[in-house]
Amino acid sequence: MDTGAYVCLTPIVLVDLLGLEKLSNAFGLVLLFQGIGAVVGPPIAGLCVFVYAYVCFSVLWTRLPELNDMIFCLTRKFFWSHSRC
């Protein structure tokens, strides 16, 4: 459920932050880093399960970036509205 919202909101947030002129470059970089995370993440999660013998640790570790995104999105309007003239 949260993945669909993430996919749908990515272009909207990129246009809001960078403008329509830079959307294609920014979206390409977002997809690049998502691909790197998709390639590197599962072996690291498997290593965590192997070392700690606890599956929940790897699941919680994969949810930390989402928590970071939520905090950023919730505080972005507050900090940016006070810093702009």
PDB file of N, CA and C in Angstrom:
ATOM      1  N   MET A   1       0.815  -1.181   0.000  1.00  0.00           N
ATOM      2  CA  MET A   1       0.000   0.000   0.000  1.00  0.00           C
ATOM      3  C   MET A   1       0.862   1.250   0.000  1.00  0.00           C
ATOM      4  N   ASP A   2       1.900   1.289   0.802  1.00  0.00           N
ATOM      5  CA  ASP A   2       2.742   2.475   0.846  1.00  0.00           C
ATOM      6  C   ASP A   2       3.617   2.617  -0.396  1.00  0.00           C
ATOM      7  N   THR A   3       3.907   1.516  -1.081  1.00  0.00           N
ATOM      8  CA  THR A   3       4.726   1.584  -2.283  1.00  0.00           C
ATOM      9  C   THR A   3       3.992   2.299  -3.406  1.00  0.00           C
ATOM     10  N   GLY A   4       2.702   2.064  -3.540  1.00  0.00           N
ATOM     11  CA  GLY A   4       1.926   2.749  -4.574  1.00  0.00           C
ATOM     12  C   GLY A   4       1.895   4.246  -4.359  1.00  0.00           C
ATOM     13  N   ALA A   5       1.740   4.657  -3.128  1.00  0.00           N
ATOM     14  CA  ALA A   5       1.756   6.097  -2.834  1.00  0.00           C
ATOM     15  C   ALA A   5       3.134   6.679  -3.102  1.00  0.00           C
ATOM     16  N   TYR A   6       4.168   5.928  -2.783  1.00  0.00           N
ATOM     17  CA  TYR A   6       5.533   6.402  -3.025  1.00  0.00           C
ATOM     18  C   TYR A   6       5.793   6.582  -4.517  1.00  0.00           C
ATOM     19  N   VAL A   7       5.357   5.622  -5.322  1.00  0.00           N
ATOM     20  CA  VAL A   7       5.573   5.689  -6.765  1.00  0.00           C
ATOM     21  C   VAL A   7       4.775   6.833  -7.372  1.00  0.00           C
ATOM     22  N   CYS A   8       3.554   7.027  -6.923  1.00  0.00           N
ATOM     23  CA  CYS A   8       2.713   8.088  -7.473  1.00  0.00           C
ATOM     24  C   CYS A   8       3.182   9.480  -7.056  1.00  0.00           C
ATOM     25  N   LEU A   9       3.719   9.608  -5.870  1.00  0.00           N
ATOM     26  CA  LEU A   9       4.097  10.923  -5.368  1.00  0.00           C
ATOM     27  C   LEU A   9       5.517  11.346  -5.736  1.00  0.00           C
ATOM     28  N   THR A  10       6.348  10.437  -6.199  1.00  0.00           N
ATOM     29  CA  THR A  10       7.724  10.785  -6.533  1.00  0.00           C
ATOM     30  C   THR A  10       7.813  11.881  -7.584  1.00  0.00           C
ATOM     31  N   PRO A  11       7.147  11.777  -8.740  1.00  0.00           N
ATOM     32  CA  PRO A  11       7.244  12.872  -9.715  1.00  0.00           C
ATOM     33  C   PRO A  11       6.674  14.188  -9.205  1.00  0.00           C
ATOM     34  N   ILE A  12       5.625  14.127  -8.410  1.00  0.00           N
ATOM     35  CA  ILE A  12       5.016  15.352  -7.894  1.00  0.00           C
ATOM     36  C   ILE A  12       5.977  16.069  -6.957  1.00  0.00           C
ATOM     37  N   VAL A  13       6.626  15.320  -6.084  1.00  0.00           N
ATOM     38  CA  VAL A  13       7.576  15.920  -5.153  1.00  0.00           C
ATOM     39  C   VAL A  13       8.800  16.450  -5.898  1.00  0.00           C
ATOM     40  N   LEU A  14       9.267  15.724  -6.915  1.00  0.00           N
ATOM     41  CA  LEU A  14      10.421  16.187  -7.684  1.00  0.00           C
ATOM     42  C   LEU A  14      10.108  17.489  -8.416  1.00  0.00           C
ATOM     43  N   VAL A  15       8.934  17.594  -8.995  1.00  0.00           N
ATOM     44  CA  VAL A  15       8.555  18.834  -9.667  1.00  0.00           C
ATOM     45  C   VAL A  15       8.430  19.962  -8.657  1.00  0.00           C
ATOM     46  N   ASP A  16       7.902  19.671  -7.486  1.00  0.00           N
ATOM     47  CA  ASP A  16       7.758  20.684  -6.447  1.00  0.00           C
ATOM     48  C   ASP A  16       9.119  21.179  -5.966  1.00  0.00           C
ATOM     49  N   LEU A  17      10.074  20.275  -5.833  1.00  0.00           N
ATOM     50  CA  LEU A  17      11.390  20.652  -5.324  1.00  0.00           C
ATOM     51  C   LEU A  17      12.297  21.264  -6.388  1.00  0.00           C
ATOM     52  N   LEU A  18      12.306  20.675  -7.590  1.00  0.00           N
ATOM     53  CA  LEU A  18      13.302  21.060  -8.590  1.00  0.00           C
ATOM     54  C   LEU A  18      12.732  21.775  -9.810  1.00  0.00           C
ATOM     55  N   GLY A  19      11.448  21.668 -10.033  1.00  0.00           N
ATOM     56  CA  GLY A  19      10.857  22.288 -11.212  1.00  0.00           C
ATOM     57  C   GLY A  19      10.692  21.299 -12.353  1.00  0.00           C
ATOM     58  N   LEU A  20       9.845  21.672 -13.286  1.00  0.00           N
ATOM     59  CA  LEU A  20       9.523  20.786 -14.403  1.00  0.00           C
ATOM     60  C   LEU A  20      10.698  20.598 -15.359  1.00  0.00           C
ATOM     61  N   GLU A  21      11.589  21.593 -15.427  1.00  0.00           N
ATOM     62  CA  GLU A  21      12.723  21.515 -16.356  1.00  0.00           C
ATOM     63  C   GLU A  21      13.702  20.404 -15.989  1.00  0.00           C
ATOM     64  N   LYS A  22      13.832  20.119 -14.714  1.00  0.00           N
ATOM     65  CA  LYS A  22      14.808  19.130 -14.245  1.00  0.00           C
ATOM     66  C   LYS A  22      14.170  17.802 -13.862  1.00  0.00           C
ATOM     67  N   LEU A  23      12.904  17.600 -14.235  1.00  0.00           N
ATOM     68  CA  LEU A  23      12.201  16.383 -13.811  1.00  0.00           C
ATOM     69  C   LEU A  23      12.835  15.125 -14.369  1.00  0.00           C
ATOM     70  N   SER A  24      13.180  15.113 -15.651  1.00  0.00           N
ATOM     71  CA  SER A  24      13.701  13.878 -16.245  1.00  0.00           C
ATOM     72  C   SER A  24      15.050  13.493 -15.645  1.00  0.00           C
ATOM     73  N   ASN A  25      15.935  14.460 -15.436  1.00  0.00           N
ATOM     74  CA  ASN A  25      17.228  14.149 -14.817  1.00  0.00           C
ATOM     75  C   ASN A  25      17.063  13.685 -13.369  1.00  0.00           C
ATOM     76  N   ALA A  26      16.210  14.370 -12.628  1.00  0.00           N
ATOM     77  CA  ALA A  26      15.999  14.009 -11.227  1.00  0.00           C
ATOM     78  C   ALA A  26      15.346  12.640 -11.110  1.00  0.00           C
ATOM     79  N   PHE A  27      14.379  12.356 -11.965  1.00  0.00           N
ATOM     80  CA  PHE A  27      13.715  11.058 -11.914  1.00  0.00           C
ATOM     81  C   PHE A  27      14.686   9.944 -12.284  1.00  0.00           C
ATOM     82  N   GLY A  28      15.572  10.216 -13.231  1.00  0.00           N
ATOM     83  CA  GLY A  28      16.599   9.235 -13.579  1.00  0.00           C
ATOM     84  C   GLY A  28      17.525   8.937 -12.412  1.00  0.00           C
ATOM     85  N   LEU A  29      17.912   9.983 -11.665  1.00  0.00           N
ATOM     86  CA  LEU A  29      18.772   9.761 -10.505  1.00  0.00           C
ATOM     87  C   LEU A  29      18.036   9.013  -9.397  1.00  0.00           C
ATOM     88  N   VAL A  30      16.762   9.316  -9.211  1.00  0.00           N
ATOM     89  CA  VAL A  30      15.975   8.588  -8.210  1.00  0.00           C
ATOM     90  C   VAL A  30      15.921   7.105  -8.566  1.00  0.00           C
ATOM     91  N   LEU A  31      15.674   6.811  -9.836  1.00  0.00           N
ATOM     92  CA  LEU A  31      15.617   5.407 -10.258  1.00  0.00           C
ATOM     93  C   LEU A  31      16.976   4.728 -10.154  1.00  0.00           C
ATOM     94  N   LEU A  32      18.047   5.478 -10.406  1.00  0.00           N
ATOM     95  CA  LEU A  32      19.389   4.917 -10.255  1.00  0.00           C
ATOM     96  C   LEU A  32      19.642   4.487  -8.814  1.00  0.00           C
ATOM     97  N   PHE A  33      19.331   5.367  -7.871  1.00  0.00           N
ATOM     98  CA  PHE A  33      19.580   5.028  -6.474  1.00  0.00           C
ATOM     99  C   PHE A  33      18.613   3.963  -5.962  1.00  0.00           C
ATOM    100  N   GLN A  34      17.404   3.924  -6.489  1.00  0.00           N
ATOM    101  CA  GLN A  34      16.494   2.831  -6.122  1.00  0.00           C
ATOM    102  C   GLN A  34      17.035   1.500  -6.633  1.00  0.00           C
ATOM    103  N   GLY A  35      17.603   1.512  -7.825  1.00  0.00           N
ATOM    104  CA  GLY A  35      18.190   0.294  -8.372  1.00  0.00           C
ATOM    105  C   GLY A  35      19.388  -0.178  -7.576  1.00  0.00           C
ATOM    106  N   ILE A  36      20.228   0.764  -7.157  1.00  0.00           N
ATOM    107  CA  ILE A  36      21.377   0.402  -6.328  1.00  0.00           C
ATOM    108  C   ILE A  36      20.899  -0.201  -5.012  1.00  0.00           C
ATOM    109  N   GLY A  37      19.880   0.409  -4.423  1.00  0.00           N
ATOM    110  CA  GLY A  37      19.330  -0.135  -3.183  1.00  0.00           C
ATOM    111  C   GLY A  37      18.716  -1.514  -3.373  1.00  0.00           C
ATOM    112  N   ALA A  38      18.091  -1.731  -4.534  1.00  0.00           N
ATOM    113  CA  ALA A  38      17.486  -3.036  -4.807  1.00  0.00           C
ATOM    114  C   ALA A  38      18.539  -4.115  -5.012  1.00  0.00           C
ATOM    115  N   VAL A  39      19.702  -3.737  -5.526  1.00  0.00           N
ATOM    116  CA  VAL A  39      20.767  -4.719  -5.751  1.00  0.00           C
ATOM    117  C   VAL A  39      21.568  -4.976  -4.468  1.00  0.00           C
ATOM    118  N   VAL A  40      21.821  -3.939  -3.704  1.00  0.00           N
ATOM    119  CA  VAL A  40      22.678  -4.065  -2.529  1.00  0.00           C
ATOM    120  C   VAL A  40      21.892  -4.474  -1.282  1.00  0.00           C
ATOM    121  N   GLY A  41      20.632  -4.071  -1.177  1.00  0.00           N
ATOM    122  CA  GLY A  41      19.848  -4.287   0.026  1.00  0.00           C
ATOM    123  C   GLY A  41      19.611  -5.735   0.421  1.00  0.00           C
ATOM    124  N   PRO A  42      19.143  -6.584  -0.485  1.00  0.00           N
ATOM    125  CA  PRO A  42      18.869  -7.977  -0.079  1.00  0.00           C
ATOM    126  C   PRO A  42      20.084  -8.748   0.430  1.00  0.00           C
ATOM    127  N   PRO A  43      21.277  -8.610  -0.173  1.00  0.00           N
ATOM    128  CA  PRO A  43      22.418  -9.317   0.435  1.00  0.00           C
ATOM    129  C   PRO A  43      22.768  -8.805   1.829  1.00  0.00           C
ATOM    130  N   ILE A  44      22.612  -7.498   2.045  1.00  0.00           N
ATOM    131  CA  ILE A  44      22.883  -6.956   3.379  1.00  0.00           C
ATOM    132  C   ILE A  44      21.853  -7.470   4.382  1.00  0.00           C
ATOM    133  N   ALA A  45      20.586  -7.522   3.969  1.00  0.00           N
ATOM    134  CA  ALA A  45      19.555  -8.067   4.857  1.00  0.00           C
ATOM    135  C   ALA A  45      19.818  -9.539   5.150  1.00  0.00           C
ATOM    136  N   GLY A  46      20.224 -10.298   4.153  1.00  0.00           N
ATOM    137  CA  GLY A  46      20.569 -11.702   4.377  1.00  0.00           C
ATOM    138  C   GLY A  46      21.749 -11.863   5.307  1.00  0.00           C
ATOM    139  N   LEU A  47      22.732 -10.977   5.187  1.00  0.00           N
ATOM    140  CA  LEU A  47      23.874 -11.018   6.094  1.00  0.00           C
ATOM    141  C   LEU A  47      23.449 -10.706   7.520  1.00  0.00           C
ATOM    142  N   CYS A  48      22.543  -9.743   7.678  1.00  0.00           N
ATOM    143  CA  CYS A  48      22.042  -9.418   9.031  1.00  0.00           C
ATOM    144  C   CYS A  48      21.301 -10.599   9.643  1.00  0.00           C
ATOM    145  N   VAL A  49      20.498 -11.281   8.836  1.00  0.00           N
ATOM    146  CA  VAL A  49      19.781 -12.457   9.345  1.00  0.00           C
ATOM    147  C   VAL A  49      20.777 -13.556   9.710  1.00  0.00           C
ATOM    148  N   PHE A  50      21.815 -13.720   8.889  1.00  0.00           N
ATOM    149  CA  PHE A  50      22.814 -14.755   9.144  1.00  0.00           C
ATOM    150  C   PHE A  50      23.614 -14.450  10.412  1.00  0.00           C
ATOM    151  N   VAL A  51      24.001 -13.193  10.594  1.00  0.00           N
ATOM    152  CA  VAL A  51      24.836 -12.817  11.734  1.00  0.00           C
ATOM    153  C   VAL A  51      24.034 -12.786  13.029  1.00  0.00           C
ATOM    154  N   TYR A  52      22.865 -12.145  12.976  1.00  0.00           N
ATOM    155  CA  TYR A  52      22.092 -11.949  14.201  1.00  0.00           C
ATOM    156  C   TYR A  52      21.039 -13.033  14.438  1.00  0.00           C
ATOM    157  N   ALA A  53      20.752 -13.840  13.431  1.00  0.00           N
ATOM    158  CA  ALA A  53      19.753 -14.911  13.515  1.00  0.00           C
ATOM    159  C   ALA A  53      18.403 -14.368  13.970  1.00  0.00           C
ATOM    160  N   TYR A  54      18.072 -13.177  13.477  1.00  0.00           N
ATOM    161  CA  TYR A  54      16.838 -12.508  13.879  1.00  0.00           C
ATOM    162  C   TYR A  54      16.287 -11.779  12.651  1.00  0.00           C
ATOM    163  N   VAL A  55      15.184 -12.249  12.116  1.00  0.00           N
ATOM    164  CA  VAL A  55      14.649 -11.728  10.873  1.00  0.00           C
ATOM    165  C   VAL A  55      14.081 -10.318  11.038  1.00  0.00           C
ATOM    166  N   CYS A  56      13.513 -10.023  12.184  1.00  0.00           N
ATOM    167  CA  CYS A  56      12.876  -8.713  12.394  1.00  0.00           C
ATOM    168  C   CYS A  56      13.877  -7.572  12.281  1.00  0.00           C
ATOM    169  N   PHE A  57      15.145  -7.813  12.605  1.00  0.00           N
ATOM    170  CA  PHE A  57      16.153  -6.772  12.485  1.00  0.00           C
ATOM    171  C   PHE A  57      16.289  -6.299  11.047  1.00  0.00           C
ATOM    172  N   SER A  58      16.316  -7.224  10.109  1.00  0.00           N
ATOM    173  CA  SER A  58      16.458  -6.836   8.705  1.00  0.00           C
ATOM    174  C   SER A  58      15.202  -6.134   8.191  1.00  0.00           C
ATOM    175  N   VAL A  59      14.035  -6.542   8.671  1.00  0.00           N
ATOM    176  CA  VAL A  59      12.794  -5.883   8.258  1.00  0.00           C
ATOM    177  C   VAL A  59      12.752  -4.460   8.797  1.00  0.00           C
ATOM    178  N   LEU A  60      13.125  -4.275  10.048  1.00  0.00           N
ATOM    179  CA  LEU A  60      13.161  -2.931  10.617  1.00  0.00           C
ATOM    180  C   LEU A  60      14.202  -2.062   9.924  1.00  0.00           C
ATOM    181  N   TRP A  61      15.320  -2.639   9.548  1.00  0.00           N
ATOM    182  CA  TRP A  61      16.378  -1.895   8.869  1.00  0.00           C
ATOM    183  C   TRP A  61      15.898  -1.391   7.510  1.00  0.00           C
ATOM    184  N   THR A  62      15.066  -2.164   6.819  1.00  0.00           N
ATOM    185  CA  THR A  62      14.562  -1.721   5.518  1.00  0.00           C
ATOM    186  C   THR A  62      13.503  -0.639   5.660  1.00  0.00           C
ATOM    187  N   ARG A  63      12.874  -0.509   6.797  1.00  0.00           N
ATOM    188  CA  ARG A  63      11.847   0.513   7.012  1.00  0.00           C
ATOM    189  C   ARG A  63      12.414   1.847   7.487  1.00  0.00           C
ATOM    190  N   LEU A  64      13.670   1.910   7.862  1.00  0.00           N
ATOM    191  CA  LEU A  64      14.249   3.171   8.325  1.00  0.00           C
ATOM    192  C   LEU A  64      14.239   4.265   7.259  1.00  0.00           C
ATOM    193  N   PRO A  65      14.567   3.995   5.994  1.00  0.00           N
ATOM    194  CA  PRO A  65      14.478   5.072   4.998  1.00  0.00           C
ATOM    195  C   PRO A  65      13.059   5.609   4.821  1.00  0.00           C
ATOM    196  N   GLU A  66      12.057   4.756   4.932  1.00  0.00           N
ATOM    197  CA  GLU A  66      10.680   5.237   4.841  1.00  0.00           C
ATOM    198  C   GLU A  66      10.346   6.156   6.006  1.00  0.00           C
ATOM    199  N   LEU A  67      10.810   5.812   7.183  1.00  0.00           N
ATOM    200  CA  LEU A  67      10.594   6.673   8.344  1.00  0.00           C
ATOM    201  C   LEU A  67      11.282   8.018   8.143  1.00  0.00           C
ATOM    202  N   ASN A  68      12.473   7.981   7.595  1.00  0.00           N
ATOM    203  CA  ASN A  68      13.201   9.209   7.303  1.00  0.00           C
ATOM    204  C   ASN A  68      12.433  10.067   6.286  1.00  0.00           C
ATOM    205  N   ASP A  69      11.884   9.456   5.255  1.00  0.00           N
ATOM    206  CA  ASP A  69      11.102  10.182   4.257  1.00  0.00           C
ATOM    207  C   ASP A  69       9.856  10.807   4.871  1.00  0.00           C
ATOM    208  N   MET A  70       9.191  10.064   5.740  1.00  0.00           N
ATOM    209  CA  MET A  70       7.980  10.609   6.363  1.00  0.00           C
ATOM    210  C   MET A  70       8.307  11.814   7.233  1.00  0.00           C
ATOM    211  N   ILE A  71       9.380  11.723   7.994  1.00  0.00           N
ATOM    212  CA  ILE A  71       9.769  12.847   8.846  1.00  0.00           C
ATOM    213  C   ILE A  71      10.148  14.051   7.993  1.00  0.00           C
ATOM    214  N   PHE A  72      10.857  13.810   6.902  1.00  0.00           N
ATOM    215  CA  PHE A  72      11.241  14.904   6.007  1.00  0.00           C
ATOM    216  C   PHE A  72      10.011  15.560   5.392  1.00  0.00           C
ATOM    217  N   CYS A  73       9.075  14.762   4.929  1.00  0.00           N
ATOM    218  CA  CYS A  73       7.878  15.320   4.294  1.00  0.00           C
ATOM    219  C   CYS A  73       7.013  16.086   5.293  1.00  0.00           C
ATOM    220  N   LEU A  74       6.950  15.621   6.527  1.00  0.00           N
ATOM    221  CA  LEU A  74       6.142  16.312   7.528  1.00  0.00           C
ATOM    222  C   LEU A  74       6.781  17.617   7.987  1.00  0.00           C
ATOM    223  N   THR A  75       8.087  17.682   8.026  1.00  0.00           N
ATOM    224  CA  THR A  75       8.763  18.886   8.514  1.00  0.00           C
ATOM    225  C   THR A  75       9.188  19.833   7.402  1.00  0.00           C
ATOM    226  N   ARG A  76       9.102  19.413   6.156  1.00  0.00           N
ATOM    227  CA  ARG A  76       9.572  20.229   5.032  1.00  0.00           C
ATOM    228  C   ARG A  76       8.830  21.543   4.944  1.00  0.00           C
ATOM    229  N   LYS A  77       7.525  21.521   5.010  1.00  0.00           N
ATOM    230  CA  LYS A  77       6.732  22.740   4.892  1.00  0.00           C
ATOM    231  C   LYS A  77       7.039  23.705   6.026  1.00  0.00           C
ATOM    232  N   PHE A  78       7.241  23.182   7.235  1.00  0.00           N
ATOM    233  CA  PHE A  78       7.512  24.046   8.375  1.00  0.00           C
ATOM    234  C   PHE A  78       8.853  24.769   8.214  1.00  0.00           C
ATOM    235  N   PHE A  79       9.903  24.018   7.890  1.00  0.00           N
ATOM    236  CA  PHE A  79      11.226  24.624   7.794  1.00  0.00           C
ATOM    237  C   PHE A  79      11.368  25.498   6.553  1.00  0.00           C
ATOM    238  N   TRP A  80      10.809  25.075   5.426  1.00  0.00           N
ATOM    239  CA  TRP A  80      10.967  25.846   4.205  1.00  0.00           C
ATOM    240  C   TRP A  80      10.105  27.092   4.206  1.00  0.00           C
ATOM    241  N   SER A  81       8.965  27.064   4.857  1.00  0.00           N
ATOM    242  CA  SER A  81       8.110  28.252   4.865  1.00  0.00           C
ATOM    243  C   SER A  81       8.735  29.368   5.705  1.00  0.00           C
ATOM    244  N   HIS A  82       9.524  29.023   6.711  1.00  0.00           N
ATOM    245  CA  HIS A  82      10.171  30.036   7.539  1.00  0.00           C
ATOM    246  C   HIS A  82      11.473  30.533   6.946  1.00  0.00           C
ATOM    247  N   SER A  83      12.101  29.771   6.069  1.00  0.00           N
ATOM    248  CA  SER A  83      13.387  30.188   5.519  1.00  0.00           C
ATOM    249  C   SER A  83      13.227  31.021   4.251  1.00  0.00           C
ATOM    250  N   ARG A  84      12.091  30.946   3.573  1.00  0.00           N
ATOM    251  CA  ARG A  84      11.877  31.723   2.356  1.00  0.00           C
ATOM    252  C   ARG A  84      11.371  33.111   2.692  1.00  0.00           C
ATOM    253  N   CYS A  85      11.764  34.059   1.862  1.00  0.00           N
ATOM    254  CA  CYS A  85      11.300  35.444   2.075  1.00  0.00           C
ATOM    255  C   CYS A  85      10.019  35.703   1.335  1.00  0.00           C
TER     256      CYS A  85
END
